[in-house]
PDB file of N, CA and C in Angstrom:
ATOM      1  N   UNK A   1       0.850  -1.157   0.000  1.00  0.00           N
ATOM      2  CA  UNK A   1       0.000   0.000   0.000  1.00  0.00           C
ATOM      3  C   UNK A   1       0.898   1.222   0.000  1.00  0.00           C
ATOM      4  N   UNK A   2       0.606   2.149  -0.870  1.00  0.00           N
ATOM      5  CA  UNK A   2       1.369   3.386  -0.952  1.00  0.00           C
ATOM      6  C   UNK A   2       0.511   4.560  -0.492  1.00  0.00           C
ATOM      7  N   UNK A   3       1.112   5.451   0.287  1.00  0.00           N
ATOM      8  CA  UNK A   3       0.467   6.699   0.683  1.00  0.00           C
ATOM      9  C   UNK A   3       1.068   7.790  -0.190  1.00  0.00           C
ATOM     10  N   UNK A   4       0.203   8.485  -0.911  1.00  0.00           N
ATOM     11  CA  UNK A   4       0.640   9.504  -1.858  1.00  0.00           C
ATOM     12  C   UNK A   4       0.400  10.904  -1.317  1.00  0.00           C
ATOM     13  N   UNK A   5       1.292  11.820  -1.644  1.00  0.00           N
ATOM     14  CA  UNK A   5       1.064  13.244  -1.442  1.00  0.00           C
ATOM     15  C   UNK A   5       0.463  13.770  -2.736  1.00  0.00           C
ATOM     16  N   UNK A   6      -0.785  14.191  -2.667  1.00  0.00           N
ATOM     17  CA  UNK A   6      -1.433  14.726  -3.862  1.00  0.00           C
ATOM     18  C   UNK A   6      -0.762  16.039  -4.261  1.00  0.00           C
ATOM     19  N   UNK A   7      -0.404  16.835  -3.274  1.00  0.00           N
ATOM     20  CA  UNK A   7       0.232  18.131  -3.533  1.00  0.00           C
ATOM     21  C   UNK A   7       1.558  17.971  -4.281  1.00  0.00           C
ATOM     22  N   UNK A   8       2.372  16.981  -3.853  1.00  0.00           N
ATOM     23  CA  UNK A   8       3.687  16.780  -4.463  1.00  0.00           C
ATOM     24  C   UNK A   8       3.684  15.721  -5.558  1.00  0.00           C
ATOM     25  N   UNK A   9       2.566  15.021  -5.722  1.00  0.00           N
ATOM     26  CA  UNK A   9       2.435  13.957  -6.731  1.00  0.00           C
ATOM     27  C   UNK A   9       3.533  12.905  -6.614  1.00  0.00           C
ATOM     28  N   UNK A  10       3.768  12.443  -5.356  1.00  0.00           N
ATOM     29  CA  UNK A  10       4.768  11.392  -5.151  1.00  0.00           C
ATOM     30  C   UNK A  10       4.378  10.518  -3.959  1.00  0.00           C
ATOM     31  N   UNK A  11       4.947   9.324  -3.912  1.00  0.00           N
ATOM     32  CA  UNK A  11       4.734   8.406  -2.799  1.00  0.00           C
ATOM     33  C   UNK A  11       5.541   8.906  -1.610  1.00  0.00           C
ATOM     34  N   UNK A  12       4.877   9.014  -0.441  1.00  0.00           N
ATOM     35  CA  UNK A  12       5.582   9.480   0.751  1.00  0.00           C
ATOM     36  C   UNK A  12       5.812   8.373   1.773  1.00  0.00           C
ATOM     37  N   UNK A  13       5.066   7.274   1.665  1.00  0.00           N
ATOM     38  CA  UNK A  13       5.252   6.158   2.582  1.00  0.00           C
ATOM     39  C   UNK A  13       4.700   4.892   1.945  1.00  0.00           C
ATOM     40  N   UNK A  14       5.360   3.764   2.197  1.00  0.00           N
ATOM     41  CA  UNK A  14       4.927   2.479   1.669  1.00  0.00           C
ATOM     42  C   UNK A  14       4.783   1.493   2.823  1.00  0.00           C
ATOM     43  N   UNK A  15       3.681   0.751   2.829  1.00  0.00           N
ATOM     44  CA  UNK A  15       3.441  -0.303   3.808  1.00  0.00           C
ATOM     45  C   UNK A  15       3.262  -1.606   3.054  1.00  0.00           C
ATOM     46  N   UNK A  16       3.762  -2.697   3.628  1.00  0.00           N
ATOM     47  CA  UNK A  16       3.631  -4.015   3.006  1.00  0.00           C
ATOM     48  C   UNK A  16       2.564  -4.821   3.729  1.00  0.00           C
ATOM     49  N   UNK A  17       1.774  -5.549   2.967  1.00  0.00           N
ATOM     50  CA  UNK A  17       0.747  -6.412   3.534  1.00  0.00           C
ATOM     51  C   UNK A  17       0.934  -7.834   3.059  1.00  0.00           C
ATOM     52  N   UNK A  18       0.055  -8.709   3.524  1.00  0.00           N
ATOM     53  CA  UNK A  18       0.163 -10.132   3.214  1.00  0.00           C
ATOM     54  C   UNK A  18      -0.488 -10.545   1.900  1.00  0.00           C
ATOM     55  N   UNK A  19      -1.440  -9.739   1.421  1.00  0.00           N
ATOM     56  CA  UNK A  19      -2.249 -10.175   0.289  1.00  0.00           C
ATOM     57  C   UNK A  19      -2.814  -8.943  -0.417  1.00  0.00           C
ATOM     58  N   UNK A  20      -3.698  -9.157  -1.358  1.00  0.00           N
ATOM     59  CA  UNK A  20      -4.349  -8.059  -2.077  1.00  0.00           C
ATOM     60  C   UNK A  20      -5.281  -7.297  -1.137  1.00  0.00           C
ATOM     61  N   UNK A  21      -5.324  -5.976  -1.297  1.00  0.00           N
ATOM     62  CA  UNK A  21      -6.190  -5.145  -0.470  1.00  0.00           C
ATOM     63  C   UNK A  21      -7.610  -5.204  -1.018  1.00  0.00           C
ATOM     64  N   UNK A  22      -8.554  -5.461  -0.119  1.00  0.00           N
ATOM     65  CA  UNK A  22      -9.954  -5.580  -0.477  1.00  0.00           C
ATOM     66  C   UNK A  22     -10.718  -4.279  -0.223  1.00  0.00           C
ATOM     67  N   UNK A  23     -10.379  -3.582   0.869  1.00  0.00           N
ATOM     68  CA  UNK A  23     -11.077  -2.342   1.230  1.00  0.00           C
ATOM     69  C   UNK A  23     -10.164  -1.469   2.080  1.00  0.00           C
ATOM     70  N   UNK A  24     -10.372  -0.143   1.983  1.00  0.00           N
ATOM     71  CA  UNK A  24      -9.571   0.830   2.741  1.00  0.00           C
ATOM     72  C   UNK A  24     -10.504   1.851   3.381  1.00  0.00           C
ATOM     73  N   UNK A  25     -10.245   2.209   4.657  1.00  0.00           N
ATOM     74  CA  UNK A  25     -11.028   3.235   5.365  1.00  0.00           C
ATOM     75  C   UNK A  25     -10.085   4.113   6.172  1.00  0.00           C
ATOM     76  N   UNK A  26     -10.368   5.416   6.208  1.00  0.00           N
ATOM     77  CA  UNK A  26      -9.600   6.366   7.008  1.00  0.00           C
ATOM     78  C   UNK A  26     -10.423   6.790   8.216  1.00  0.00           C
ATOM     79  N   UNK A  27      -9.740   7.153   9.313  1.00  0.00           N
ATOM     80  CA  UNK A  27     -10.465   7.743  10.433  1.00  0.00           C
ATOM     81  C   UNK A  27     -10.723   9.213  10.131  1.00  0.00           C
ATOM     82  N   UNK A  28     -11.618   9.844  10.888  1.00  0.00           N
ATOM     83  CA  UNK A  28     -12.009  11.216  10.547  1.00  0.00           C
ATOM     84  C   UNK A  28     -10.888  12.225  10.757  1.00  0.00           C
ATOM     85  N   UNK A  29      -9.896  11.918  11.594  1.00  0.00           N
ATOM     86  CA  UNK A  29      -8.742  12.804  11.760  1.00  0.00           C
ATOM     87  C   UNK A  29      -7.768  12.705  10.597  1.00  0.00           C
ATOM     88  N   UNK A  30      -7.853  11.622   9.830  1.00  0.00           N
ATOM     89  CA  UNK A  30      -7.000  11.444   8.663  1.00  0.00           C
ATOM     90  C   UNK A  30      -5.601  10.970   8.975  1.00  0.00           C
ATOM     91  N   UNK A  31      -5.377  10.442  10.204  1.00  0.00           N
ATOM     92  CA  UNK A  31      -4.025  10.011  10.560  1.00  0.00           C
ATOM     93  C   UNK A  31      -3.874   8.492  10.657  1.00  0.00           C
ATOM     94  N   UNK A  32      -4.972   7.758  10.448  1.00  0.00           N
ATOM     95  CA  UNK A  32      -4.909   6.298  10.461  1.00  0.00           C
ATOM     96  C   UNK A  32      -5.728   5.757   9.299  1.00  0.00           C
ATOM     97  N   UNK A  33      -5.280   4.628   8.795  1.00  0.00           N
ATOM     98  CA  UNK A  33      -6.003   3.957   7.713  1.00  0.00           C
ATOM     99  C   UNK A  33      -6.109   2.470   8.069  1.00  0.00           C
ATOM    100  N   UNK A  34      -7.291   1.914   7.845  1.00  0.00           N
ATOM    101  CA  UNK A  34      -7.515   0.487   8.061  1.00  0.00           C
ATOM    102  C   UNK A  34      -7.643  -0.180   6.699  1.00  0.00           C
ATOM    103  N   UNK A  35      -7.014  -1.323   6.558  1.00  0.00           N
ATOM    104  CA  UNK A  35      -7.081  -2.066   5.307  1.00  0.00           C
ATOM    105  C   UNK A  35      -7.564  -3.482   5.578  1.00  0.00           C
ATOM    106  N   UNK A  36      -8.456  -3.953   4.734  1.00  0.00           N
ATOM    107  CA  UNK A  36      -8.915  -5.345   4.771  1.00  0.00           C
ATOM    108  C   UNK A  36      -8.254  -6.057   3.604  1.00  0.00           C
ATOM    109  N   UNK A  37      -7.608  -7.168   3.902  1.00  0.00           N
ATOM    110  CA  UNK A  37      -6.917  -7.923   2.874  1.00  0.00           C
ATOM    111  C   UNK A  37      -7.766  -9.111   2.427  1.00  0.00           C
ATOM    112  N   UNK A  38      -7.492  -9.616   1.249  1.00  0.00           N
ATOM    113  CA  UNK A  38      -8.237 -10.734   0.683  1.00  0.00           C
ATOM    114  C   UNK A  38      -8.128 -11.991   1.545  1.00  0.00           C
ATOM    115  N   UNK A  39      -7.073 -12.107   2.351  1.00  0.00           N
ATOM    116  CA  UNK A  39      -6.902 -13.277   3.219  1.00  0.00           C
ATOM    117  C   UNK A  39      -7.614 -13.110   4.566  1.00  0.00           C
ATOM    118  N   UNK A  40      -8.534 -12.123   4.655  1.00  0.00           N
ATOM    119  CA  UNK A  40      -9.381 -11.849   5.816  1.00  0.00           C
ATOM    120  C   UNK A  40      -8.628 -11.253   6.998  1.00  0.00           C
ATOM    121  N   UNK A  41      -7.488 -10.628   6.754  1.00  0.00           N
ATOM    122  CA  UNK A  41      -6.756  -9.911   7.801  1.00  0.00           C
ATOM    123  C   UNK A  41      -7.086  -8.438   7.745  1.00  0.00           C
ATOM    124  N   UNK A  42      -7.101  -7.806   8.903  1.00  0.00           N
ATOM    125  CA  UNK A  42      -7.339  -6.374   9.014  1.00  0.00           C
ATOM    126  C   UNK A  42      -6.113  -5.744   9.642  1.00  0.00           C
ATOM    127  N   UNK A  43      -5.620  -4.651   9.054  1.00  0.00           N
ATOM    128  CA  UNK A  43      -4.478  -3.935   9.597  1.00  0.00           C
ATOM    129  C   UNK A  43      -4.844  -2.471   9.720  1.00  0.00           C
ATOM    130  N   UNK A  44      -4.403  -1.851  10.814  1.00  0.00           N
ATOM    131  CA  UNK A  44      -4.572  -0.414  11.014  1.00  0.00           C
ATOM    132  C   UNK A  44      -3.184   0.209  11.011  1.00  0.00           C
ATOM    133  N   UNK A  45      -2.988   1.204  10.154  1.00  0.00           N
ATOM    134  CA  UNK A  45      -1.698   1.866  10.013  1.00  0.00           C
ATOM    135  C   UNK A  45      -1.800   3.299  10.498  1.00  0.00           C
ATOM    136  N   UNK A  46      -0.790   3.746  11.238  1.00  0.00           N
ATOM    137  CA  UNK A  46      -0.656   5.149  11.626  1.00  0.00           C
ATOM    138  C   UNK A  46       0.107   5.799  10.490  1.00  0.00           C
ATOM    139  N   UNK A  47      -0.532   6.722   9.770  1.00  0.00           N
ATOM    140  CA  UNK A  47       0.091   7.285   8.566  1.00  0.00           C
ATOM    141  C   UNK A  47       0.618   8.702   8.775  1.00  0.00           C
ATOM    142  N   UNK A  48       0.774   9.110  10.042  1.00  0.00           N
ATOM    143  CA  UNK A  48       1.364  10.421  10.271  1.00  0.00           C
ATOM    144  C   UNK A  48       2.791  10.417   9.733  1.00  0.00           C
ATOM    145  N   UNK A  49       3.138  11.444   9.003  1.00  0.00           N
ATOM    146  CA  UNK A  49       4.455  11.511   8.365  1.00  0.00           C
ATOM    147  C   UNK A  49       5.452  12.195   9.234  1.00  0.00           C
TER     148      UNK A  49
END
């Protein structure tokens, strides 16, 4: 999973997972993202840079 800076049009952080990403959700503060993987695992990432 790559986190992009829209302003700079570049990848600012990369996270590795176990499988294909099925769904992504952000919290309302915008500092965490949850990902559901095809292998039924859920990961929550702190994406503060």
